[in-house]
Amino acid sequence: MINKKNFQAEDGTIATDNESNVRILKNHYHKVFNRQVEVDESILEQLKQRPITQELGEPPDKQQVHAAIQKMKTNKAPGISGVTTDMLKNLPNDAIDLLTTII
């Protein structure tokens, strides 16, 4: 079962219900996925291909992804994406499915 928690908006207010949680997450992900960034794709050609490690096996299933997320520490600063472990720990089942597919 996924832990349920209320998110905090940029202005510091804490969500009090599912609607405000959704609003906070919507605003966050809109910013994350709609950033305008300049990319020099020619740099990709300069990257050395690393060897493929076949021993790693199959991609993780949904239960393994969920278990790995639950092991993450809470109340940690986000990385460059702005996503915190608290956000990941509170993803609904559909989002865990999508994350598993992406992985």
C-alpha atoms as a PDB file:
ATOM      1  CA  MET A   1       0.000   0.000   0.000  1.00  0.00           C
ATOM      2  CA  ILE A   2       1.275   3.451  -0.904  1.00  0.00           C
ATOM      3  CA  ASN A   3       1.675   5.980   1.915  1.00  0.00           C
ATOM      4  CA  LYS A   4      -0.657   8.973   1.539  1.00  0.00           C
ATOM      5  CA  LYS A   5       0.780  12.397   2.309  1.00  0.00           C
ATOM      6  CA  ASN A   6      -0.126  15.989   1.564  1.00  0.00           C
ATOM      7  CA  PHE A   7       2.228  17.974  -0.636  1.00  0.00           C
ATOM      8  CA  GLN A   8       3.580  21.454  -0.042  1.00  0.00           C
ATOM      9  CA  ALA A   9       3.093  24.195  -2.632  1.00  0.00           C
ATOM     10  CA  GLU A  10       5.842  26.616  -3.654  1.00  0.00           C
ATOM     11  CA  ASP A  11       4.318  29.284  -1.434  1.00  0.00           C
ATOM     12  CA  GLY A  12       4.650  26.971   1.582  1.00  0.00           C
ATOM     13  CA  THR A  13       0.993  26.042   1.967  1.00  0.00           C
ATOM     14  CA  ILE A  14       0.235  22.392   2.665  1.00  0.00           C
ATOM     15  CA  ALA A  15      -2.445  20.563   0.701  1.00  0.00           C
ATOM     16  CA  THR A  16      -5.472  19.689   2.798  1.00  0.00           C
ATOM     17  CA  ASP A  17      -7.272  17.340   0.405  1.00  0.00           C
ATOM     18  CA  ASN A  18      -6.855  15.344  -2.794  1.00  0.00           C
ATOM     19  CA  GLU A  19      -7.836  18.296  -4.990  1.00  0.00           C
ATOM     20  CA  SER A  20      -5.105  20.528  -3.592  1.00  0.00           C
ATOM     21  CA  ASN A  21      -2.594  17.645  -3.818  1.00  0.00           C
ATOM     22  CA  VAL A  22      -3.494  17.263  -7.499  1.00  0.00           C
ATOM     23  CA  ARG A  23      -3.200  21.023  -8.098  1.00  0.00           C
ATOM     24  CA  ILE A  24       0.264  21.128  -6.490  1.00  0.00           C
ATOM     25  CA  LEU A  25       1.499  18.111  -8.467  1.00  0.00           C
ATOM     26  CA  LYS A  26       0.008  19.447 -11.700  1.00  0.00           C
ATOM     27  CA  ASN A  27       1.808  22.774 -11.270  1.00  0.00           C
ATOM     28  CA  HIS A  28       5.067  21.034 -10.388  1.00  0.00           C
ATOM     29  CA  TYR A  29       5.054  18.627 -13.320  1.00  0.00           C
ATOM     30  CA  HIS A  30       3.929  21.347 -15.714  1.00  0.00           C
ATOM     31  CA  LYS A  31       7.065  23.300 -14.781  1.00  0.00           C
ATOM     32  CA  VAL A  32       9.310  20.215 -14.952  1.00  0.00           C
ATOM     33  CA  PHE A  33       8.098  19.008 -18.349  1.00  0.00           C
ATOM     34  CA  ASN A  34       7.592  22.373 -20.028  1.00  0.00           C
ATOM     35  CA  ARG A  35      10.945  24.002 -19.339  1.00  0.00           C
ATOM     36  CA  GLN A  36      12.553  25.652 -22.333  1.00  0.00           C
ATOM     37  CA  VAL A  37      16.097  24.326 -22.524  1.00  0.00           C
ATOM     38  CA  GLU A  38      18.650  24.721 -25.281  1.00  0.00           C
ATOM     39  CA  VAL A  39      20.254  21.416 -26.235  1.00  0.00           C
ATOM     40  CA  ASP A  40      23.320  20.933 -28.415  1.00  0.00           C
ATOM     41  CA  GLU A  41      22.661  17.461 -29.811  1.00  0.00           C
ATOM     42  CA  SER A  42      26.090  17.322 -31.450  1.00  0.00           C
ATOM     43  CA  ILE A  43      27.494  16.656 -27.963  1.00  0.00           C
ATOM     44  CA  LEU A  44      25.773  13.252 -27.997  1.00  0.00           C
ATOM     45  CA  GLU A  45      28.018  12.173 -30.856  1.00  0.00           C
ATOM     46  CA  GLN A  46      31.058  12.803 -28.650  1.00  0.00           C
ATOM     47  CA  LEU A  47      29.908  10.455 -25.889  1.00  0.00           C
ATOM     48  CA  LYS A  48      31.666   7.125 -25.739  1.00  0.00           C
ATOM     49  CA  GLN A  49      29.292   4.148 -25.810  1.00  0.00           C
ATOM     50  CA  ARG A  50      29.606   2.181 -22.599  1.00  0.00           C
ATOM     51  CA  PRO A  51      29.527  -1.607 -22.782  1.00  0.00           C
ATOM     52  CA  ILE A  52      26.122  -3.211 -22.321  1.00  0.00           C
ATOM     53  CA  THR A  53      25.956  -5.367 -19.194  1.00  0.00           C
ATOM     54  CA  GLN A  54      23.762  -8.364 -20.020  1.00  0.00           C
ATOM     55  CA  GLU A  55      24.147  -9.859 -16.521  1.00  0.00           C
ATOM     56  CA  LEU A  56      21.805  -7.279 -15.042  1.00  0.00           C
ATOM     57  CA  GLY A  57      18.833  -9.345 -16.187  1.00  0.00           C
ATOM     58  CA  GLU A  58      15.314  -8.235 -16.904  1.00  0.00           C
ATOM     59  CA  PRO A  59      13.884  -4.785 -16.174  1.00  0.00           C
ATOM     60  CA  PRO A  60      12.191  -4.498 -12.763  1.00  0.00           C
ATOM     61  CA  ASP A  61       8.493  -5.216 -12.379  1.00  0.00           C
ATOM     62  CA  LYS A  62       5.987  -2.903 -10.684  1.00  0.00           C
ATOM     63  CA  GLN A  63       6.477  -4.472  -7.230  1.00  0.00           C
ATOM     64  CA  GLN A  64      10.261  -4.077  -7.460  1.00  0.00           C
ATOM     65  CA  VAL A  65       9.951  -0.430  -8.541  1.00  0.00           C
ATOM     66  CA  HIS A  66       7.490   0.276  -5.714  1.00  0.00           C
ATOM     67  CA  ALA A  67       9.731  -1.499  -3.158  1.00  0.00           C
ATOM     68  CA  ALA A  68      12.780   0.500  -4.293  1.00  0.00           C
ATOM     69  CA  ILE A  69      10.865   3.771  -3.996  1.00  0.00           C
ATOM     70  CA  GLN A  70       9.626   2.881  -0.511  1.00  0.00           C
ATOM     71  CA  LYS A  71      13.236   2.269   0.625  1.00  0.00           C
ATOM     72  CA  MET A  72      14.196   5.841  -0.287  1.00  0.00           C
ATOM     73  CA  LYS A  73      14.747   8.295   2.565  1.00  0.00           C
ATOM     74  CA  THR A  74      12.103  10.980   3.096  1.00  0.00           C
ATOM     75  CA  ASN A  75      12.388  14.748   3.466  1.00  0.00           C
ATOM     76  CA  LYS A  76      15.355  15.004   1.096  1.00  0.00           C
ATOM     77  CA  ALA A  77      16.067  17.851  -1.305  1.00  0.00           C
ATOM     78  CA  PRO A  78      15.051  17.231  -4.919  1.00  0.00           C
ATOM     79  CA  GLY A  79      17.519  16.751  -7.710  1.00  0.00           C
ATOM     80  CA  ILE A  80      17.681  18.809 -10.903  1.00  0.00           C
ATOM     81  CA  SER A  81      14.224  17.577 -11.957  1.00  0.00           C
ATOM     82  CA  GLY A  82      12.657  19.005  -8.815  1.00  0.00           C
ATOM     83  CA  VAL A  83      11.108  15.635  -7.935  1.00  0.00           C
ATOM     84  CA  THR A  84      11.472  14.654  -4.292  1.00  0.00           C
ATOM     85  CA  THR A  85      11.436  11.164  -2.827  1.00  0.00           C
ATOM     86  CA  ASP A  86       8.264  12.183  -0.983  1.00  0.00           C
ATOM     87  CA  MET A  87       6.591  12.805  -4.337  1.00  0.00           C
ATOM     88  CA  LEU A  88       7.705   9.416  -5.635  1.00  0.00           C
ATOM     89  CA  LYS A  89       6.526   7.675  -2.469  1.00  0.00           C
ATOM     90  CA  ASN A  90       3.046   9.142  -2.945  1.00  0.00           C
ATOM     91  CA  LEU A  91       2.568   8.261  -6.600  1.00  0.00           C
ATOM     92  CA  PRO A  92      -0.763   6.588  -7.401  1.00  0.00           C
ATOM     93  CA  ASN A  93      -0.762   3.076  -8.879  1.00  0.00           C
ATOM     94  CA  ASP A  94      -1.191   4.373 -12.445  1.00  0.00           C
ATOM     95  CA  ALA A  95       1.913   6.510 -12.089  1.00  0.00           C
ATOM     96  CA  ILE A  96       3.896   3.540 -10.707  1.00  0.00           C
ATOM     97  CA  ASP A  97       2.768   1.590 -13.799  1.00  0.00           C
ATOM     98  CA  LEU A  98       3.986   4.398 -16.059  1.00  0.00           C
ATOM     99  CA  LEU A  99       7.289   4.711 -14.201  1.00  0.00           C
ATOM    100  CA  THR A 100       7.825   0.951 -14.480  1.00  0.00           C
ATOM    101  CA  THR A 101       7.144   1.123 -18.219  1.00  0.00           C
ATOM    102  CA  ILE A 102       9.613   4.002 -18.619  1.00  0.00           C
ATOM    103  CA  ILE A 103      12.317   2.090 -16.738  1.00  0.00           C
END
